[in-house]
Amino acid sequence: MSGFWNEAAESIAERPKLMKAAWLLTLLLIEVGSVVADGGSSGP
């Protein structure tokens, strides 16, 4: 799995715009994941 992230990081590093988009997407996924986790734990 770490190899995948290393390759992804190298390819993203070559594309600044993609790197920014990847960071925003990662932050969004973390935010959504925490919201889903909170909703799931407090939901029915």
PDB file of N, CA and C in Angstrom:
ATOM      1  N   MET A   1       0.842  -1.197   0.000  1.00  0.00           N
ATOM      2  CA  MET A   1       0.000   0.000   0.000  1.00  0.00           C
ATOM      3  C   MET A   1       0.880   1.252   0.000  1.00  0.00           C
ATOM      4  N   SER A   2       1.972   1.204   0.762  1.00  0.00           N
ATOM      5  CA  SER A   2       2.858   2.373   0.820  1.00  0.00           C
ATOM      6  C   SER A   2       3.477   2.643  -0.543  1.00  0.00           C
ATOM      7  N   GLY A   3       3.728   1.574  -1.309  1.00  0.00           N
ATOM      8  CA  GLY A   3       4.292   1.756  -2.642  1.00  0.00           C
ATOM      9  C   GLY A   3       3.345   2.545  -3.523  1.00  0.00           C
ATOM     10  N   PHE A   4       2.045   2.254  -3.393  1.00  0.00           N
ATOM     11  CA  PHE A   4       1.047   2.987  -4.178  1.00  0.00           C
ATOM     12  C   PHE A   4       1.086   4.463  -3.834  1.00  0.00           C
ATOM     13  N   TRP A   5       1.146   4.766  -2.536  1.00  0.00           N
ATOM     14  CA  TRP A   5       1.160   6.171  -2.114  1.00  0.00           C
ATOM     15  C   TRP A   5       2.446   6.854  -2.563  1.00  0.00           C
ATOM     16  N   ASN A   6       3.561   6.127  -2.554  1.00  0.00           N
ATOM     17  CA  ASN A   6       4.824   6.713  -3.010  1.00  0.00           C
ATOM     18  C   ASN A   6       4.733   7.075  -4.485  1.00  0.00           C
ATOM     19  N   GLU A   7       4.186   6.177  -5.298  1.00  0.00           N
ATOM     20  CA  GLU A   7       4.049   6.453  -6.730  1.00  0.00           C
ATOM     21  C   GLU A   7       3.075   7.603  -6.950  1.00  0.00           C
ATOM     22  N   ALA A   8       1.992   7.615  -6.190  1.00  0.00           N
ATOM     23  CA  ALA A   8       1.002   8.681  -6.330  1.00  0.00           C
ATOM     24  C   ALA A   8       1.624  10.023  -5.949  1.00  0.00           C
ATOM     25  N   ALA A   9       2.390  10.034  -4.867  1.00  0.00           N
ATOM     26  CA  ALA A   9       3.023  11.278  -4.422  1.00  0.00           C
ATOM     27  C   ALA A   9       3.996  11.790  -5.474  1.00  0.00           C
ATOM     28  N   GLU A  10       4.763  10.881  -6.076  1.00  0.00           N
ATOM     29  CA  GLU A  10       5.727  11.296  -7.096  1.00  0.00           C
ATOM     30  C   GLU A  10       5.019  11.859  -8.320  1.00  0.00           C
ATOM     31  N   SER A  11       3.947  11.200  -8.756  1.00  0.00           N
ATOM     32  CA  SER A  11       3.233  11.673  -9.945  1.00  0.00           C
ATOM     33  C   SER A  11       2.527  12.993  -9.654  1.00  0.00           C
ATOM     34  N   ILE A  12       1.996  13.124  -8.430  1.00  0.00           N
ATOM     35  CA  ILE A  12       1.295  14.360  -8.066  1.00  0.00           C
ATOM     36  C   ILE A  12       2.300  15.508  -7.941  1.00  0.00           C
ATOM     37  N   ALA A  13       3.486  15.207  -7.417  1.00  0.00           N
ATOM     38  CA  ALA A  13       4.500  16.248  -7.238  1.00  0.00           C
ATOM     39  C   ALA A  13       4.870  16.887  -8.570  1.00  0.00           C
ATOM     40  N   GLU A  14       4.686  16.143  -9.666  1.00  0.00           N
ATOM     41  CA  GLU A  14       5.003  16.685 -10.986  1.00  0.00           C
ATOM     42  C   GLU A  14       3.883  17.590 -11.495  1.00  0.00           C
ATOM     43  N   ARG A  15       2.743  17.567 -10.825  1.00  0.00           N
ATOM     44  CA  ARG A  15       1.604  18.378 -11.277  1.00  0.00           C
ATOM     45  C   ARG A  15       1.063  19.185 -10.095  1.00  0.00           C
ATOM     46  N   PRO A  16       1.554  20.419  -9.903  1.00  0.00           N
ATOM     47  CA  PRO A  16       1.131  21.254  -8.765  1.00  0.00           C
ATOM     48  C   PRO A  16      -0.383  21.383  -8.660  1.00  0.00           C
ATOM     49  N   LYS A  17      -1.059  21.566  -9.790  1.00  0.00           N
ATOM     50  CA  LYS A  17      -2.513  21.735  -9.739  1.00  0.00           C
ATOM     51  C   LYS A  17      -3.177  20.471  -9.218  1.00  0.00           C
ATOM     52  N   LEU A  18      -2.680  19.309  -9.689  1.00  0.00           N
ATOM     53  CA  LEU A  18      -3.250  18.045  -9.219  1.00  0.00           C
ATOM     54  C   LEU A  18      -2.957  17.853  -7.739  1.00  0.00           C
ATOM     55  N   MET A  19      -1.772  18.299  -7.299  1.00  0.00           N
ATOM     56  CA  MET A  19      -1.421  18.147  -5.890  1.00  0.00           C
ATOM     57  C   MET A  19      -2.400  18.934  -5.025  1.00  0.00           C
ATOM     58  N   LYS A  20      -2.714  20.162  -5.451  1.00  0.00           N
ATOM     59  CA  LYS A  20      -3.659  20.972  -4.688  1.00  0.00           C
ATOM     60  C   LYS A  20      -5.032  20.308  -4.683  1.00  0.00           C
ATOM     61  N   ALA A  21      -5.449  19.798  -5.836  1.00  0.00           N
ATOM     62  CA  ALA A  21      -6.747  19.131  -5.922  1.00  0.00           C
ATOM     63  C   ALA A  21      -6.754  17.876  -5.051  1.00  0.00           C
ATOM     64  N   ALA A  22      -5.638  17.149  -5.043  1.00  0.00           N
ATOM     65  CA  ALA A  22      -5.553  15.931  -4.237  1.00  0.00           C
ATOM     66  C   ALA A  22      -5.658  16.261  -2.753  1.00  0.00           C
ATOM     67  N   TRP A  23      -5.007  17.353  -2.335  1.00  0.00           N
ATOM     68  CA  TRP A  23      -5.081  17.757  -0.932  1.00  0.00           C
ATOM     69  C   TRP A  23      -6.511  18.119  -0.563  1.00  0.00           C
ATOM     70  N   LEU A  24      -7.178  18.891  -1.443  1.00  0.00           N
ATOM     71  CA  LEU A  24      -8.561  19.276  -1.163  1.00  0.00           C
ATOM     72  C   LEU A  24      -9.450  18.041  -1.099  1.00  0.00           C
ATOM     73  N   LEU A  25      -9.232  17.100  -2.017  1.00  0.00           N
ATOM     74  CA  LEU A  25     -10.033  15.877  -2.031  1.00  0.00           C
ATOM     75  C   LEU A  25      -9.780  15.060  -0.767  1.00  0.00           C
ATOM     76  N   THR A  26      -8.517  14.987  -0.347  1.00  0.00           N
ATOM     77  CA  THR A  26      -8.189  14.236   0.865  1.00  0.00           C
ATOM     78  C   THR A  26      -8.859  14.860   2.081  1.00  0.00           C
ATOM     79  N   LEU A  27      -8.770  16.190   2.188  1.00  0.00           N
ATOM     80  CA  LEU A  27      -9.411  16.872   3.314  1.00  0.00           C
ATOM     81  C   LEU A  27     -10.918  16.653   3.278  1.00  0.00           C
ATOM     82  N   LEU A  28     -11.500  16.695   2.083  1.00  0.00           N
ATOM     83  CA  LEU A  28     -12.943  16.489   1.947  1.00  0.00           C
ATOM     84  C   LEU A  28     -13.317  15.077   2.388  1.00  0.00           C
ATOM     85  N   LEU A  29     -12.526  14.086   1.961  1.00  0.00           N
ATOM     86  CA  LEU A  29     -12.817  12.699   2.342  1.00  0.00           C
ATOM     87  C   LEU A  29     -12.706  12.519   3.852  1.00  0.00           C
ATOM     88  N   ILE A  30     -11.708  13.150   4.469  1.00  0.00           N
ATOM     89  CA  ILE A  30     -11.550  13.054   5.922  1.00  0.00           C
ATOM     90  C   ILE A  30     -12.753  13.686   6.613  1.00  0.00           C
ATOM     91  N   GLU A  31     -13.178  14.852   6.116  1.00  0.00           N
ATOM     92  CA  GLU A  31     -14.319  15.549   6.698  1.00  0.00           C
ATOM     93  C   GLU A  31     -15.574  14.699   6.568  1.00  0.00           C
ATOM     94  N   VAL A  32     -15.824  14.188   5.365  1.00  0.00           N
ATOM     95  CA  VAL A  32     -17.006  13.349   5.134  1.00  0.00           C
ATOM     96  C   VAL A  32     -16.925  12.084   5.984  1.00  0.00           C
ATOM     97  N   GLY A  33     -15.745  11.494   6.057  1.00  0.00           N
ATOM     98  CA  GLY A  33     -15.583  10.274   6.844  1.00  0.00           C
ATOM     99  C   GLY A  33     -15.896  10.501   8.312  1.00  0.00           C
ATOM    100  N   SER A  34     -15.440  11.626   8.869  1.00  0.00           N
ATOM    101  CA  SER A  34     -15.706  11.911  10.277  1.00  0.00           C
ATOM    102  C   SER A  34     -17.189  12.187  10.496  1.00  0.00           C
ATOM    103  N   VAL A  35     -17.819  12.874   9.534  1.00  0.00           N
ATOM    104  CA  VAL A  35     -19.252  13.159   9.654  1.00  0.00           C
ATOM    105  C   VAL A  35     -20.045  11.858   9.603  1.00  0.00           C
ATOM    106  N   VAL A  36     -19.670  10.982   8.670  1.00  0.00           N
ATOM    107  CA  VAL A  36     -20.362   9.690   8.549  1.00  0.00           C
ATOM    108  C   VAL A  36     -20.150   8.868   9.816  1.00  0.00           C
ATOM    109  N   ALA A  37     -18.928   8.904  10.358  1.00  0.00           N
ATOM    110  CA  ALA A  37     -18.635   8.139  11.567  1.00  0.00           C
ATOM    111  C   ALA A  37     -19.470   8.672  12.736  1.00  0.00           C
ATOM    112  N   ASP A  38     -19.559   9.995  12.858  1.00  0.00           N
ATOM    113  CA  ASP A  38     -20.351  10.584  13.938  1.00  0.00           C
ATOM    114  C   ASP A  38     -21.822  10.245  13.757  1.00  0.00           C
ATOM    115  N   GLY A  39     -22.315  10.400  12.537  1.00  0.00           N
ATOM    116  CA  GLY A  39     -23.724  10.114  12.267  1.00  0.00           C
ATOM    117  C   GLY A  39     -24.035   8.646  12.490  1.00  0.00           C
ATOM    118  N   GLY A  40     -23.112   7.775  12.102  1.00  0.00           N
ATOM    119  CA  GLY A  40     -23.351   6.343  12.256  1.00  0.00           C
ATOM    120  C   GLY A  40     -23.369   5.933  13.723  1.00  0.00           C
ATOM    121  N   SER A  41     -22.502   6.548  14.540  1.00  0.00           N
ATOM    122  CA  SER A  41     -22.426   6.157  15.947  1.00  0.00           C
ATOM    123  C   SER A  41     -23.619   6.701  16.732  1.00  0.00           C
ATOM    124  N   SER A  42     -24.132   7.869  16.342  1.00  0.00           N
ATOM    125  CA  SER A  42     -25.249   8.469  17.079  1.00  0.00           C
ATOM    126  C   SER A  42     -26.587   8.152  16.424  1.00  0.00           C
ATOM    127  N   GLY A  43     -26.550   7.549  15.237  1.00  0.00           N
ATOM    128  CA  GLY A  43     -27.794   7.227  14.525  1.00  0.00           C
ATOM    129  C   GLY A  43     -28.454   5.977  15.077  1.00  0.00           C
ATOM    130  N   PRO A  44     -29.616   5.634  14.531  1.00  0.00           N
ATOM    131  CA  PRO A  44     -30.364   4.460  14.994  1.00  0.00           C
ATOM    132  C   PRO A  44     -29.661   3.144  14.648  1.00  0.00           C
TER     133      PRO A  44
END
